[in-house]
Protein backbone atom coordinates (compact mmCIF):
# COMPACT_ATOMS: atom_id res chain seq x y z
CA MET A 1 10.60 11.25 -4.23
CA LEU A 2 7.75 11.15 -1.72
CA GLY A 3 6.48 8.55 0.68
CA MET A 4 2.80 7.73 0.26
CA VAL A 5 0.41 5.90 2.59
CA LEU A 6 -3.13 4.79 1.75
CA ALA A 7 -4.99 5.16 5.04
CA ALA A 8 -8.60 5.88 4.07
CA GLY A 9 -10.10 2.46 4.78
CA ALA A 10 -12.70 1.76 7.47
CA GLY A 11 -11.45 -1.70 8.49
CA ARG A 12 -14.87 -2.92 9.62
CA ARG A 13 -13.55 -6.38 10.48
CA LEU A 14 -11.35 -4.79 13.16
CA ARG A 15 -14.15 -3.35 15.26
CA PRO A 16 -14.31 -2.15 17.99
CA TYR A 17 -10.87 -0.60 17.32
CA THR A 18 -12.13 0.93 14.10
CA ASP A 19 -15.35 2.31 15.52
CA THR A 20 -13.51 5.61 15.90
CA LEU A 21 -10.14 5.04 14.17
CA PRO A 22 -9.03 4.26 10.63
CA LYS A 23 -7.34 0.90 10.31
CA ALA A 24 -3.94 2.55 9.97
CA LEU A 25 -4.16 3.90 13.53
CA VAL A 26 -4.84 0.55 15.18
CA PRO A 27 -2.01 -0.19 17.67
CA VAL A 28 0.23 -3.19 17.04
CA ASP A 29 3.05 -2.73 19.59
CA GLY A 30 2.06 -0.88 22.74
CA GLU A 31 1.00 2.55 21.49
CA THR A 32 2.79 2.03 18.15
CA THR A 33 0.26 1.94 15.31
CA ILE A 34 0.43 0.51 11.82
CA MET A 35 0.95 4.06 10.53
CA ASP A 36 3.84 4.59 12.93
CA ILE A 37 5.60 1.62 11.36
CA SER A 38 4.87 2.89 7.84
CA LEU A 39 6.23 6.36 8.61
CA ARG A 40 9.24 4.99 10.46
CA ASN A 41 10.15 2.83 7.47
CA LEU A 42 9.76 5.68 4.99
CA ALA A 43 11.83 8.02 7.14
CA GLU A 44 14.57 5.41 7.50
CA VAL A 45 15.06 5.31 3.73
CA GLY A 46 15.13 9.11 3.53
CA LEU A 47 11.53 9.78 2.45
CA ARG A 48 10.48 12.45 4.91
CA ASP A 49 7.81 14.19 2.82
CA VAL A 50 4.84 11.82 3.02
CA VAL A 51 1.40 12.05 1.42
CA VAL A 52 -1.28 10.25 3.43
CA VAL A 53 -4.64 9.56 1.81
CA VAL A 54 -7.30 9.75 4.52
CA GLY A 55 -11.03 9.16 4.47
CA TYR A 56 -12.80 7.14 7.14
CA ALA A 57 -12.29 8.72 10.59
CA ALA A 58 -9.92 11.24 8.98
CA GLN A 59 -10.24 13.54 11.99
CA ALA A 60 -8.25 11.05 14.05
CA VAL A 61 -5.31 11.41 11.66
CA HIS A 62 -5.62 15.21 11.71
CA GLU A 63 -5.54 15.17 15.50
CA ARG A 64 -2.35 13.09 15.54
CA LYS A 65 -0.63 14.77 12.59
CA ASP A 66 1.71 17.01 14.61
CA ALA A 67 2.69 14.19 16.96
CA LEU A 68 3.37 11.81 14.07
CA GLU A 69 5.52 14.42 12.32
CA GLN A 70 7.57 15.06 15.45
CA ARG A 71 7.94 11.38 16.33
CA HIS A 72 9.21 10.32 12.91
CA GLY A 73 10.83 13.50 11.59
CA VAL A 74 8.48 13.69 8.62
CA LYS A 75 6.20 16.27 7.00
CA LEU A 76 2.71 14.95 6.29
CA THR A 77 0.37 16.14 3.57
CA LEU A 78 -3.14 14.80 4.07
CA VAL A 79 -5.22 14.14 0.95
CA HIS A 80 -8.94 13.50 1.44
CA ASN A 81 -10.81 10.67 -0.21
CA ASP A 82 -14.43 11.84 -0.11
CA LYS A 83 -15.76 8.40 -1.07
CA ALA A 84 -13.75 6.26 1.33
CA GLU A 85 -16.82 4.58 2.82
CA GLU A 86 -18.49 3.99 -0.54
CA TRP A 87 -15.77 3.12 -3.08
CA ASN A 88 -12.72 0.88 -3.10
CA ASN A 89 -9.09 1.98 -3.20
CA ALA A 90 -8.60 2.49 -6.96
CA TYR A 91 -10.29 5.83 -6.35
CA SER A 92 -8.33 6.34 -3.15
CA LEU A 93 -4.97 6.15 -4.91
CA TRP A 94 -6.28 8.33 -7.76
CA CYS A 95 -7.01 11.04 -5.18
CA ALA A 96 -3.22 11.39 -4.76
CA ARG A 97 -2.56 11.68 -8.51
CA ASP A 98 -1.22 15.24 -8.28
CA TYR A 99 1.81 13.86 -6.41
CA PHE A 100 2.73 10.98 -8.75
CA ALA A 101 5.00 13.18 -10.87
CA GLN A 102 7.40 13.60 -7.94
CA GLY A 103 7.78 9.83 -7.71
CA ALA A 104 6.47 7.95 -4.70
CA LEU A 105 7.05 4.89 -2.61
CA LEU A 106 3.51 3.79 -1.84
CA VAL A 107 2.60 1.57 1.10
CA ASN A 108 -0.82 0.34 2.13
CA GLY A 109 -1.88 1.68 5.49
CA ASP A 110 -2.88 -1.76 6.75
CA THR A 111 0.39 -3.59 6.12
CA VAL A 112 2.99 -4.30 8.80
CA HIS A 113 6.37 -5.06 7.25
CA PRO A 114 10.05 -4.30 7.96
CA VAL A 115 12.02 -1.54 6.26
CA SER A 116 13.82 -4.17 4.16
CA VAL A 117 10.82 -3.99 1.80
CA GLU A 118 11.36 -0.29 1.11
CA LYS A 119 15.09 -0.87 0.72
CA THR A 120 14.48 -3.68 -1.78
CA LEU A 121 12.26 -1.45 -3.94
CA LEU A 122 14.65 1.50 -3.89
CA ALA A 123 17.69 -0.66 -4.66
CA ALA A 124 16.11 -2.41 -7.65
CA PRO A 125 17.30 -1.57 -11.18
CA GLU A 126 15.13 0.84 -13.16
CA THR A 127 13.50 -1.72 -15.43
CA SER A 128 10.03 -0.17 -15.37
CA ASP A 129 8.25 2.94 -14.11
CA ILE A 130 6.21 0.88 -11.64
CA LEU A 131 7.77 -1.78 -9.42
CA LEU A 132 5.79 -4.04 -7.09
CA ALA A 133 7.05 -5.69 -3.91
CA VAL A 134 6.13 -9.39 -4.09
CA ASP A 135 6.41 -12.25 -1.61
CA ASN A 136 7.18 -15.37 -3.62
CA VAL A 137 7.95 -17.47 -0.52
CA LYS A 138 4.66 -17.45 1.40
CA LYS A 139 2.10 -20.20 0.85
CA LEU A 140 -0.92 -18.57 -0.78
CA ALA A 141 -4.67 -18.91 -0.28
CA ASP A 142 -7.77 -17.24 -1.73
CA GLU A 143 -7.64 -13.83 -0.01
CA GLU A 144 -4.19 -12.74 -1.20
CA MET A 145 -3.55 -10.28 -4.06
CA LYS A 146 -1.74 -12.73 -6.32
CA VAL A 147 0.46 -12.12 -9.37
CA THR A 148 1.61 -14.08 -12.39
CA LEU A 149 4.48 -13.09 -14.64
CA ASP A 150 5.23 -13.12 -18.34
CA GLY A 151 8.98 -13.53 -18.23
CA SER A 152 10.02 -10.87 -15.74
CA ALA A 153 7.00 -8.59 -16.29
CA LEU A 154 3.61 -8.60 -14.62
CA LYS A 155 0.95 -10.57 -16.49
CA ARG A 156 -1.94 -10.70 -14.01
CA ILE A 157 -2.65 -9.23 -10.59
CA THR A 158 -5.87 -10.28 -8.86
CA LYS A 159 -7.27 -12.07 -5.84
CA LEU A 160 -9.39 -14.13 -8.23
CA MET A 161 -6.73 -16.63 -9.15
CA ASP A 162 -5.92 -20.22 -8.26
CA PRO A 163 -3.08 -19.90 -5.72
CA ALA A 164 -1.28 -22.74 -7.48
CA GLU A 165 -0.97 -20.58 -10.61
CA ALA A 166 0.57 -17.59 -8.84
CA TYR A 167 4.19 -16.49 -8.76
CA GLY A 168 3.60 -14.77 -5.42
CA GLU A 169 1.64 -12.17 -3.49
CA TYR A 170 1.78 -8.41 -3.95
CA ILE A 171 2.30 -7.11 -0.42
CA GLY A 172 0.97 -3.58 -0.75
CA ALA A 173 4.16 -1.64 -1.52
CA THR A 174 4.91 -0.03 -4.90
CA LEU A 175 7.66 2.18 -6.26
CA ILE A 176 6.04 4.71 -8.62
CA ARG A 177 8.62 6.48 -10.73
CA PRO A 178 7.80 9.97 -12.09
CA GLY A 179 7.46 8.72 -15.67
CA ALA A 180 4.39 6.68 -14.73
CA ALA A 181 2.40 9.62 -13.37
CA GLY A 182 0.01 10.39 -16.20
CA ARG A 183 -0.45 6.80 -17.33
CA LEU A 184 -1.14 5.55 -13.81
CA ALA A 185 -3.66 8.31 -13.09
CA ASP A 186 -5.48 7.58 -16.34
CA ALA A 187 -5.56 3.83 -15.71
CA LEU A 188 -6.90 4.32 -12.17
CA LYS A 189 -9.62 6.65 -13.46
CA ALA A 190 -10.66 4.13 -16.11
CA THR A 191 -10.72 1.44 -13.41
CA PHE A 192 -12.98 3.12 -10.86
CA GLU A 193 -15.22 4.50 -13.61
CA ARG A 194 -15.72 0.93 -14.82
CA ASP A 195 -16.52 -0.24 -11.29
CA PRO A 196 -15.95 1.88 -8.16
CA GLN A 197 -15.47 -1.28 -6.09
CA LEU A 198 -12.26 -2.24 -7.88
CA TYR A 199 -8.81 -2.15 -6.29
CA TYR A 200 -5.90 0.05 -7.34
CA GLU A 201 -4.19 -3.19 -8.31
CA ASP A 202 -6.88 -3.47 -10.99
CA GLY A 203 -5.45 -0.19 -12.24
CA TYR A 204 -2.09 -1.91 -12.60
CA GLN A 205 -3.83 -4.65 -14.57
CA GLU A 206 -5.39 -1.97 -16.77
CA MET A 207 -1.90 -0.66 -17.50
CA VAL A 208 -0.69 -4.15 -18.41
CA GLU A 209 -3.64 -4.57 -20.76
CA ARG A 210 -2.61 -1.31 -22.41
CA GLY A 211 0.87 -2.69 -23.03
CA GLU A 212 2.61 -1.24 -19.98
CA GLN A 213 5.63 -3.03 -18.54
CA ILE A 214 5.37 -3.45 -14.76
CA HIS A 215 8.04 -5.42 -12.95
CA VAL A 216 8.24 -7.01 -9.53
CA ALA A 217 10.85 -7.12 -6.78
CA PRO A 218 10.89 -10.28 -4.63
CA ILE A 219 11.25 -9.33 -0.96
CA GLY A 220 12.75 -12.62 0.23
CA GLU A 221 11.71 -14.42 3.39
CA VAL A 222 10.17 -11.61 5.41
CA ASP A 223 7.73 -11.57 8.33
CA TRP A 224 4.87 -9.29 7.35
CA VAL A 225 1.07 -9.22 7.46
CA GLU A 226 -1.85 -7.37 5.93
CA VAL A 227 -4.13 -6.52 8.85
CA ASP A 228 -7.71 -7.20 7.80
CA ASN A 229 -9.17 -8.93 10.85
CA HIS A 230 -8.45 -9.79 14.47
CA ASP A 231 -6.39 -12.88 13.59
CA ASP A 232 -4.19 -10.70 11.38
CA LEU A 233 -3.91 -8.16 14.18
CA ALA A 234 -2.72 -10.84 16.58
CA LYS A 235 -0.04 -11.85 14.07
CA ALA A 236 0.96 -8.22 13.54
CA ARG A 237 1.49 -7.86 17.26
CA THR A 238 3.82 -10.84 17.37
CA ILE A 239 6.02 -9.55 14.56
CA ALA A 240 5.93 -5.76 15.08
CA VAL A 241 7.83 -6.03 18.35
CA ARG A 242 10.79 -7.48 16.41
CA TYR A 243 11.19 -4.55 14.02
């Protein structure tokens, strides 16, 4: 199984940091970046071959590749998203489709969370080929990627949902088992071909609509944050020092 990090996004709301850096390389604890935390977590659970999807300011990742590998004891394979500044991340994840068959633990490159999330996903029973890490403790608002369930299986995943209806928030970490490879790639392709501004989570919804079973793993009460803006960055800096 591989680690996988989506790190192609521009993060325009984090300027001036992201004038020259992708969001994943914004520092959150001294010189420690969001990507450092992602790679450290993946290495801690034994995933030392890591695919990183790059796009915006990709040269910055290339320049730090050797240092990141040495610091975390990992081997990085960089996959280029040629439409990172034009299209949303359904296409970005599809760019890594050739690696799905090896199985992957995917993390968003803008999420700061402890390694307990990766451990929860890897320890979960094999009930489905795709397993989503979900926070069902946090109070939700409009911006979150919310989920509802049908029994124990995913029913809906979207930001466009009344928070009161949601079971919880998908936190940007997915266990992709090898059996899902072809079906996931096909669903992502159908998603971005329908609308290139859709999220990869819309690809998961496409799979559900096709009859796919996708399950969720509650992460418990965990301090984490998706870093979209400067308020999020401030929160990330208060929690990253505790990991």
